[in-house]
Amino acid sequence: MMWRQGDILFQTIEQIPFGVARMPNLVLASGDSTSHRHMIKDRKTAELFRSSNVTIDDLFLNVTANEASVVHPEHNTIVLPKGCYRVWHQREFGEDKKPKRVVD
């Protein structure tokens, strides 16, 4: 299954990949243009991981509670059930034909 909140997409996966690093916070996207963050509301409900591959900006979310709320001031809250997710940031192609992350 998939969920979407603005420019962030959540895809269910079987498990968190081996070799990813646990992040100290639960910010899924920093909102560089607006300073609004996509984040997990309650730190006790999930764990966030980042790929150690510097050429790929992959995030993985493990919802450890029965559910976790993803909040952002400009979007409706979404509730993810317990499980593992890959977190995708929407990308677009610039004039140089290279993909870049959409800035929310």
C-alpha atoms as a PDB file:
ATOM      1  CA  MET A   1       0.000   0.000   0.000  1.00  0.00           C
ATOM      2  CA  MET A   2       0.967   3.621  -0.417  1.00  0.00           C
ATOM      3  CA  TRP A   3       0.165   6.864   1.381  1.00  0.00           C
ATOM      4  CA  ARG A   4       0.962  10.421   0.336  1.00  0.00           C
ATOM      5  CA  GLN A   5       1.281  13.695   2.193  1.00  0.00           C
ATOM      6  CA  GLY A   6       2.246  16.585  -0.067  1.00  0.00           C
ATOM      7  CA  ASP A   7       5.544  15.697  -1.752  1.00  0.00           C
ATOM      8  CA  ILE A   8       6.204  12.691   0.530  1.00  0.00           C
ATOM      9  CA  LEU A   9       5.149   9.162  -0.406  1.00  0.00           C
ATOM     10  CA  PHE A  10       5.103   6.144   1.926  1.00  0.00           C
ATOM     11  CA  GLN A  11       5.316   2.626   0.505  1.00  0.00           C
ATOM     12  CA  THR A  12       4.946  -0.473   2.650  1.00  0.00           C
ATOM     13  CA  ILE A  13       7.930  -2.830   2.600  1.00  0.00           C
ATOM     14  CA  GLU A  14       8.607  -6.192   4.235  1.00  0.00           C
ATOM     15  CA  GLN A  15      11.426  -4.998   6.486  1.00  0.00           C
ATOM     16  CA  ILE A  16      13.925  -2.214   7.062  1.00  0.00           C
ATOM     17  CA  PRO A  17      17.001  -2.914   4.886  1.00  0.00           C
ATOM     18  CA  PHE A  18      20.227  -4.066   6.501  1.00  0.00           C
ATOM     19  CA  GLY A  19      22.955  -1.456   6.921  1.00  0.00           C
ATOM     20  CA  VAL A  20      20.838   1.675   7.321  1.00  0.00           C
ATOM     21  CA  ALA A  21      21.551   4.158  10.116  1.00  0.00           C
ATOM     22  CA  ARG A  22      18.985   5.131  12.723  1.00  0.00           C
ATOM     23  CA  MET A  23      18.258   8.868  12.728  1.00  0.00           C
ATOM     24  CA  PRO A  24      18.119  10.887  15.975  1.00  0.00           C
ATOM     25  CA  ASN A  25      14.848  12.585  15.006  1.00  0.00           C
ATOM     26  CA  LEU A  26      11.650  11.798  13.114  1.00  0.00           C
ATOM     27  CA  VAL A  27      11.743  14.601  10.514  1.00  0.00           C
ATOM     28  CA  LEU A  28      10.840  13.096   7.142  1.00  0.00           C
ATOM     29  CA  ALA A  29      11.354  16.332   5.160  1.00  0.00           C
ATOM     30  CA  SER A  30      12.644  19.640   6.439  1.00  0.00           C
ATOM     31  CA  GLY A  31      10.579  21.993   4.261  1.00  0.00           C
ATOM     32  CA  ASP A  32      13.495  24.185   3.200  1.00  0.00           C
ATOM     33  CA  SER A  33      11.376  26.752   1.371  1.00  0.00           C
ATOM     34  CA  THR A  34       8.673  27.162   4.056  1.00  0.00           C
ATOM     35  CA  SER A  35      10.360  25.832   7.214  1.00  0.00           C
ATOM     36  CA  HIS A  36       7.364  23.496   7.630  1.00  0.00           C
ATOM     37  CA  ARG A  37       8.350  19.925   8.400  1.00  0.00           C
ATOM     38  CA  HIS A  38       6.810  16.588   7.533  1.00  0.00           C
ATOM     39  CA  MET A  39       7.360  14.631  10.726  1.00  0.00           C
ATOM     40  CA  ILE A  40       6.079  11.933  13.043  1.00  0.00           C
ATOM     41  CA  LYS A  41       4.020  13.555  15.795  1.00  0.00           C
ATOM     42  CA  ASP A  42       4.951  11.232  18.667  1.00  0.00           C
ATOM     43  CA  ARG A  43       8.583  10.069  19.000  1.00  0.00           C
ATOM     44  CA  LYS A  44       7.461   6.932  20.850  1.00  0.00           C
ATOM     45  CA  THR A  45       5.576   5.537  17.851  1.00  0.00           C
ATOM     46  CA  ALA A  46       8.302   5.107  15.205  1.00  0.00           C
ATOM     47  CA  GLU A  47      11.967   4.941  14.214  1.00  0.00           C
ATOM     48  CA  LEU A  48      13.499   6.638  11.165  1.00  0.00           C
ATOM     49  CA  PHE A  49      16.473   5.272   9.221  1.00  0.00           C
ATOM     50  CA  ARG A  50      18.630   6.672   6.399  1.00  0.00           C
ATOM     51  CA  SER A  51      20.648   4.803   3.816  1.00  0.00           C
ATOM     52  CA  SER A  52      24.402   5.102   4.287  1.00  0.00           C
ATOM     53  CA  ASN A  53      24.818   5.337   0.512  1.00  0.00           C
ATOM     54  CA  VAL A  54      25.572   9.043  -0.034  1.00  0.00           C
ATOM     55  CA  THR A  55      24.439   8.921  -3.673  1.00  0.00           C
ATOM     56  CA  ILE A  56      20.940   7.792  -2.689  1.00  0.00           C
ATOM     57  CA  ASP A  57      18.798   9.693  -0.218  1.00  0.00           C
ATOM     58  CA  ASP A  58      16.619   6.826   0.972  1.00  0.00           C
ATOM     59  CA  LEU A  59      14.607   7.021   4.175  1.00  0.00           C
ATOM     60  CA  PHE A  60      12.916   4.114   5.908  1.00  0.00           C
ATOM     61  CA  LEU A  61      10.313   4.314   8.656  1.00  0.00           C
ATOM     62  CA  ASN A  62       9.484   1.626  11.190  1.00  0.00           C
ATOM     63  CA  VAL A  63       6.161   2.267  12.911  1.00  0.00           C
ATOM     64  CA  THR A  64       6.573   0.387  16.187  1.00  0.00           C
ATOM     65  CA  ALA A  65       3.275   1.387  17.820  1.00  0.00           C
ATOM     66  CA  ASN A  66      -0.156   0.399  16.515  1.00  0.00           C
ATOM     67  CA  GLU A  67      -0.089   3.603  14.445  1.00  0.00           C
ATOM     68  CA  ALA A  68       1.920   6.783  13.895  1.00  0.00           C
ATOM     69  CA  SER A  69       0.645  10.209  12.813  1.00  0.00           C
ATOM     70  CA  VAL A  70       2.498  12.132  10.112  1.00  0.00           C
ATOM     71  CA  VAL A  71       1.933  15.874  10.545  1.00  0.00           C
ATOM     72  CA  HIS A  72       2.574  18.985   8.456  1.00  0.00           C
ATOM     73  CA  PRO A  73       0.941  22.420   8.914  1.00  0.00           C
ATOM     74  CA  GLU A  74      -0.244  22.644   5.293  1.00  0.00           C
ATOM     75  CA  HIS A  75      -1.526  19.064   4.848  1.00  0.00           C
ATOM     76  CA  ASN A  76      -4.017  16.813   6.574  1.00  0.00           C
ATOM     77  CA  THR A  77      -2.517  14.429   9.117  1.00  0.00           C
ATOM     78  CA  ILE A  78      -2.140  10.889   7.863  1.00  0.00           C
ATOM     79  CA  VAL A  79      -2.036   7.845  10.109  1.00  0.00           C
ATOM     80  CA  LEU A  80       0.254   4.961   9.208  1.00  0.00           C
ATOM     81  CA  PRO A  81      -0.422   1.532  10.703  1.00  0.00           C
ATOM     82  CA  LYS A  82       2.298  -0.525  12.390  1.00  0.00           C
ATOM     83  CA  GLY A  83       4.855  -1.746   9.868  1.00  0.00           C
ATOM     84  CA  CYS A  84       7.829  -0.793   7.716  1.00  0.00           C
ATOM     85  CA  TYR A  85       7.855   1.869   4.997  1.00  0.00           C
ATOM     86  CA  ARG A  86      10.130   3.344   2.389  1.00  0.00           C
ATOM     87  CA  VAL A  87       9.800   7.132   2.378  1.00  0.00           C
ATOM     88  CA  TRP A  88      10.004   8.718  -1.075  1.00  0.00           C
ATOM     89  CA  HIS A  89      10.537  12.416  -1.772  1.00  0.00           C
ATOM     90  CA  GLN A  90       8.915  13.601  -4.983  1.00  0.00           C
ATOM     91  CA  ARG A  91      11.460  14.456  -7.661  1.00  0.00           C
ATOM     92  CA  GLU A  92      11.337  16.521 -10.827  1.00  0.00           C
ATOM     93  CA  PHE A  93      13.723  16.975 -13.720  1.00  0.00           C
ATOM     94  CA  GLY A  94      15.462  20.314 -14.083  1.00  0.00           C
ATOM     95  CA  GLU A  95      16.665  21.988 -17.256  1.00  0.00           C
ATOM     96  CA  ASP A  96      19.886  19.974 -16.997  1.00  0.00           C
ATOM     97  CA  LYS A  97      17.768  16.772 -17.264  1.00  0.00           C
ATOM     98  CA  LYS A  98      18.941  15.640 -13.824  1.00  0.00           C
ATOM     99  CA  PRO A  99      16.439  14.696 -11.125  1.00  0.00           C
ATOM    100  CA  LYS A 100      16.143  16.985  -8.134  1.00  0.00           C
ATOM    101  CA  ARG A 101      13.994  16.839  -5.042  1.00  0.00           C
ATOM    102  CA  VAL A 102      10.783  18.885  -5.094  1.00  0.00           C
ATOM    103  CA  VAL A 103      10.991  21.625  -2.454  1.00  0.00           C
ATOM    104  CA  ASP A 104       7.827  21.952  -0.358  1.00  0.00           C
END
